[in-house]
Amino acid sequence: MFFKHILSLKVLIALLLFFGMISLFIGVISINVKDILNLNSTQLEIITLTRIPRLIAILLTGMSLSICGLIMQQLTQNKFVSPTTAGTMDCAKFGILISLIFFAGASFFTQAIIASVFALLGSFIFIQILRKIKLKDVIFVPLIGLMFGGIITSLVIVSVGIIPFLGLIISNLVVLYLGDNLRKNLIYIALCGALFLLVCDIISRLVIFPFEMPLSITTGVLGSLIFIFLLLKRKVYA
């Protein structure tokens, strides 16, 4: 299949470089590729202060969430567990809310640490809940995580960006085509996660250009389609 053919390091890196370059020139203010050597001060600031940092954030987010999904699936022995379905992201959002309420003047780095601590605590609580449940069905376990995440979300009154499905679908797709070899798949999962999120980011900028669609909508739509595909292929993991 097509997906299996692109699962090589050279192809993945080439695709990341290609789409990464494209993302630098797409946005509310268009920058022509031909003008790359003759950028004015405004265009240079846009690329260096907004688009390059955004590109780096997208790549790191894609890699980290995909790897987190793989780790959580290994811990729970369930292919449909991810930061989204285990309440991890919801706990991180709750941590950001706590930091805004009690540490209003905290730096971005401090807020990130607080969110990370809450995310780790949420994941730990989720695993402890699973230990108390005898029935560990492939679908039932993620449902427990979603319910747990829903309880946490109900306590949050601010909206924080969330990237749905990423930690769930990427690791499963790579395992589906390359086999269940953790050491071998790690780099492929990281690169595929970064590539998927980067493509979603570009699509979100183009759908209603020159305006932008929230990245969570794009990843949610594409991710849900891939998730349905994985459900239909679930017998592969039996």
Protein backbone atom coordinates (compact mmCIF):
# COMPACT_ATOMS: atom_id res chain seq x y z
CA MET A 1 0.00 0.00 0.00
CA PHE A 2 0.94 3.66 -0.43
CA PHE A 3 1.51 4.23 3.27
CA LYS A 4 3.91 1.30 3.45
CA HIS A 5 5.98 2.67 0.55
CA ILE A 6 6.59 6.04 2.25
CA LEU A 7 7.73 4.42 5.50
CA SER A 8 11.43 4.88 4.89
CA LEU A 9 13.65 7.37 6.69
CA LYS A 10 14.78 9.11 3.49
CA VAL A 11 11.23 9.59 2.20
CA LEU A 12 9.90 10.76 5.56
CA ILE A 13 12.72 13.27 6.05
CA ALA A 14 12.30 14.53 2.47
CA LEU A 15 8.55 15.00 3.00
CA LEU A 16 9.15 16.82 6.27
CA LEU A 17 11.61 19.21 4.60
CA PHE A 18 9.24 19.76 1.67
CA PHE A 19 6.14 20.49 3.72
CA GLY A 20 8.20 22.43 6.27
CA MET A 21 9.37 24.82 3.55
CA ILE A 22 5.82 25.18 2.23
CA SER A 23 4.52 26.06 5.71
CA LEU A 24 6.94 29.00 5.95
CA PHE A 25 5.29 30.76 3.01
CA ILE A 26 1.61 30.09 3.75
CA GLY A 27 -0.39 32.35 6.03
CA VAL A 28 -2.51 35.48 6.31
CA ILE A 29 0.38 37.41 4.76
CA SER A 30 1.60 35.52 1.72
CA ILE A 31 5.31 35.42 0.97
CA ASN A 32 6.42 34.45 -2.52
CA VAL A 33 9.10 31.78 -2.70
CA LYS A 34 10.78 33.79 -5.47
CA ASP A 35 11.34 36.64 -3.00
CA ILE A 36 13.22 34.49 -0.49
CA LEU A 37 16.48 36.32 -1.21
CA ASN A 38 14.86 39.78 -1.23
CA LEU A 39 12.69 39.78 1.88
CA ASN A 40 11.80 43.12 3.42
CA SER A 41 11.99 43.66 7.18
CA THR A 42 8.31 42.82 7.74
CA GLN A 43 8.48 39.56 5.82
CA LEU A 44 11.71 38.60 7.59
CA GLU A 45 10.10 39.20 10.99
CA ILE A 46 7.06 37.11 10.02
CA ILE A 47 9.25 34.15 9.05
CA THR A 48 11.74 34.36 11.94
CA LEU A 49 9.39 35.37 14.77
CA THR A 50 6.21 33.47 13.94
CA ARG A 51 6.46 30.85 11.21
CA ILE A 52 9.76 29.20 12.09
CA PRO A 53 8.84 28.92 15.82
CA ARG A 54 5.40 27.62 14.77
CA LEU A 55 7.01 25.03 12.49
CA ILE A 56 9.33 23.87 15.27
CA ALA A 57 6.41 23.65 17.71
CA ILE A 58 4.35 21.64 15.21
CA LEU A 59 7.18 19.16 14.59
CA LEU A 60 7.97 18.70 18.28
CA THR A 61 4.29 18.32 19.16
CA GLY A 62 3.73 15.74 16.45
CA MET A 63 6.75 13.71 17.52
CA SER A 64 6.08 13.88 21.25
CA LEU A 65 2.36 13.03 21.11
CA SER A 66 2.97 10.10 18.77
CA ILE A 67 5.69 8.67 21.01
CA CYS A 68 3.53 9.26 24.11
CA GLY A 69 0.75 7.29 22.44
CA LEU A 70 3.12 4.39 21.79
CA ILE A 71 4.38 4.38 25.40
CA MET A 72 0.85 4.45 26.85
CA GLN A 73 -0.23 1.62 24.57
CA GLN A 74 2.72 -0.46 25.74
CA LEU A 75 1.94 0.27 29.41
CA THR A 76 -1.75 -0.61 29.14
CA GLN A 77 -1.38 -3.31 26.46
CA ASN A 78 -4.22 -1.64 24.58
CA LYS A 79 -3.83 -0.30 21.03
CA PHE A 80 -6.55 2.34 21.44
CA VAL A 81 -5.11 4.17 24.44
CA SER A 82 -3.49 7.55 23.84
CA PRO A 83 -3.05 10.92 25.60
CA THR A 84 -6.45 11.87 24.15
CA THR A 85 -8.35 8.79 25.33
CA ALA A 86 -6.64 8.50 28.73
CA GLY A 87 -7.48 11.99 30.02
CA THR A 88 -3.85 13.13 29.82
CA MET A 89 -4.56 16.21 27.69
CA ASP A 90 -7.55 17.16 29.82
CA CYS A 91 -5.41 17.02 32.95
CA ALA A 92 -2.80 19.20 31.23
CA LYS A 93 -5.53 21.75 30.46
CA PHE A 94 -6.61 21.61 34.09
CA GLY A 95 -3.00 22.26 35.11
CA ILE A 96 -2.90 25.35 32.89
CA LEU A 97 -6.10 26.59 34.52
CA ILE A 98 -4.58 26.11 37.99
CA SER A 99 -1.47 28.03 36.95
CA LEU A 100 -3.58 30.90 35.60
CA ILE A 101 -5.60 31.10 38.83
CA PHE A 102 -2.88 30.70 41.45
CA PHE A 103 0.24 31.75 39.52
CA ALA A 104 -1.08 34.50 37.27
CA GLY A 105 2.33 36.05 36.74
CA ALA A 106 4.08 32.77 36.00
CA SER A 107 6.22 32.47 32.89
CA PHE A 108 5.30 30.23 29.98
CA PHE A 109 7.96 27.75 31.09
CA THR A 110 6.47 27.56 34.59
CA GLN A 111 2.99 27.01 33.17
CA ALA A 112 4.35 24.24 30.94
CA ILE A 113 5.92 22.51 33.97
CA ILE A 114 2.66 22.70 35.94
CA ALA A 115 0.70 21.34 32.96
CA SER A 116 3.22 18.50 32.60
CA VAL A 117 2.92 17.58 36.28
CA PHE A 118 -0.88 17.46 36.04
CA ALA A 119 -0.65 15.40 32.84
CA LEU A 120 1.62 12.86 34.57
CA LEU A 121 -0.69 12.71 37.59
CA GLY A 122 -3.69 12.22 35.30
CA SER A 123 -1.98 9.38 33.46
CA PHE A 124 -1.03 7.77 36.77
CA ILE A 125 -4.62 7.99 38.04
CA PHE A 126 -5.88 6.49 34.77
CA ILE A 127 -3.53 3.51 35.10
CA GLN A 128 -4.57 3.02 38.73
CA ILE A 129 -8.22 3.01 37.67
CA LEU A 130 -7.46 0.33 35.08
CA ARG A 131 -5.86 -1.86 37.75
CA LYS A 132 -9.15 -1.85 39.66
CA ILE A 133 -11.18 -2.94 36.63
CA LYS A 134 -11.34 -6.61 35.73
CA LEU A 135 -12.80 -6.08 32.25
CA LYS A 136 -10.11 -4.66 29.96
CA ASP A 137 -11.81 -4.78 26.58
CA VAL A 138 -10.07 -3.05 23.66
CA ILE A 139 -12.88 -0.47 23.43
CA PHE A 140 -13.90 -0.34 27.11
CA VAL A 141 -10.50 0.89 28.33
CA PRO A 142 -10.45 4.03 26.13
CA LEU A 143 -14.04 4.73 27.17
CA ILE A 144 -12.92 4.80 30.81
CA GLY A 145 -10.23 7.29 29.81
CA LEU A 146 -12.71 9.47 27.95
CA MET A 147 -15.07 9.51 30.94
CA PHE A 148 -12.17 10.38 33.25
CA GLY A 149 -11.11 13.14 30.85
CA GLY A 150 -14.69 14.42 30.70
CA ILE A 151 -14.78 14.78 34.48
CA ILE A 152 -11.56 16.80 34.43
CA THR A 153 -12.72 18.91 31.47
CA SER A 154 -15.91 19.81 33.33
CA LEU A 155 -13.70 21.58 35.89
CA VAL A 156 -11.94 23.65 33.24
CA ILE A 157 -13.48 27.00 32.30
CA VAL A 158 -10.88 28.15 29.79
CA SER A 159 -10.19 26.71 26.36
CA VAL A 160 -6.72 25.39 25.66
CA GLY A 161 -5.69 23.97 22.31
CA ILE A 162 -5.93 20.20 21.99
CA ILE A 163 -4.69 17.87 19.26
CA PRO A 164 -7.08 14.92 19.03
CA PHE A 165 -6.26 11.40 17.80
CA LEU A 166 -2.56 12.03 17.08
CA GLY A 167 -1.11 9.83 19.81
CA LEU A 168 -3.63 7.13 18.91
CA ILE A 169 -3.50 6.80 15.14
CA ILE A 170 0.16 7.31 14.23
CA SER A 171 1.62 4.57 16.42
CA ASN A 172 -1.10 2.15 15.32
CA LEU A 173 -0.57 2.89 11.63
CA VAL A 174 3.18 2.36 11.86
CA VAL A 175 2.74 -0.87 13.83
CA LEU A 176 0.12 -2.02 11.33
CA TYR A 177 2.58 -1.85 8.43
CA LEU A 178 5.98 -2.36 10.09
CA GLY A 179 5.15 -4.81 12.86
CA ASP A 180 5.23 -4.53 16.65
CA ASN A 181 8.94 -3.74 17.14
CA LEU A 182 9.28 -0.89 19.65
CA ARG A 183 12.94 -0.08 19.03
CA LYS A 184 12.57 -0.16 15.24
CA ASN A 185 9.32 1.82 15.11
CA LEU A 186 10.21 4.68 17.47
CA ILE A 187 11.90 6.92 14.89
CA TYR A 188 9.23 6.19 12.27
CA ILE A 189 6.44 7.04 14.70
CA ALA A 190 8.14 10.33 15.63
CA LEU A 191 8.66 11.36 11.99
CA CYS A 192 5.16 10.28 10.90
CA GLY A 193 3.61 12.17 13.81
CA ALA A 194 5.50 15.34 12.91
CA LEU A 195 4.60 14.94 9.22
CA PHE A 196 0.90 14.32 9.92
CA LEU A 197 0.57 17.37 12.17
CA LEU A 198 2.53 19.55 9.73
CA VAL A 199 0.25 18.56 6.82
CA CYS A 200 -2.82 19.22 9.00
CA ASP A 201 -1.41 22.65 9.89
CA ILE A 202 -0.92 23.52 6.21
CA ILE A 203 -4.45 22.33 5.37
CA SER A 204 -5.90 24.43 8.20
CA ARG A 205 -4.27 27.52 6.68
CA LEU A 206 -5.52 26.80 3.14
CA VAL A 207 -9.15 25.71 3.66
CA ILE A 208 -10.48 29.24 4.33
CA PHE A 209 -7.43 31.19 3.13
CA PRO A 210 -6.37 33.89 4.04
CA PHE A 211 -7.97 33.00 7.38
CA GLU A 212 -7.01 29.96 9.43
CA MET A 213 -9.08 27.04 10.66
CA PRO A 214 -8.23 25.74 14.17
CA LEU A 215 -5.67 22.96 13.94
CA SER A 216 -7.78 20.79 16.25
CA ILE A 217 -10.57 20.70 13.65
CA THR A 218 -8.27 19.51 10.86
CA THR A 219 -6.59 16.87 12.99
CA GLY A 220 -9.97 15.83 14.37
CA VAL A 221 -11.51 15.28 10.93
CA LEU A 222 -8.54 13.45 9.42
CA GLY A 223 -7.79 11.63 12.66
CA SER A 224 -11.35 10.36 13.02
CA LEU A 225 -11.27 8.94 9.49
CA ILE A 226 -8.02 7.13 10.21
CA PHE A 227 -9.39 5.96 13.57
CA ILE A 228 -12.40 4.39 11.83
CA PHE A 229 -9.98 2.66 9.46
CA LEU A 230 -8.05 1.29 12.46
CA LEU A 231 -11.25 0.02 14.05
CA LEU A 232 -12.05 -1.88 10.88
CA LYS A 233 -8.53 -3.31 10.93
CA ARG A 234 -8.56 -4.17 14.66
CA LYS A 235 -8.50 -7.92 13.92
CA VAL A 236 -4.88 -7.44 12.82
CA TYR A 237 -3.93 -6.92 16.47
CA ALA A 238 -5.79 -9.98 17.76
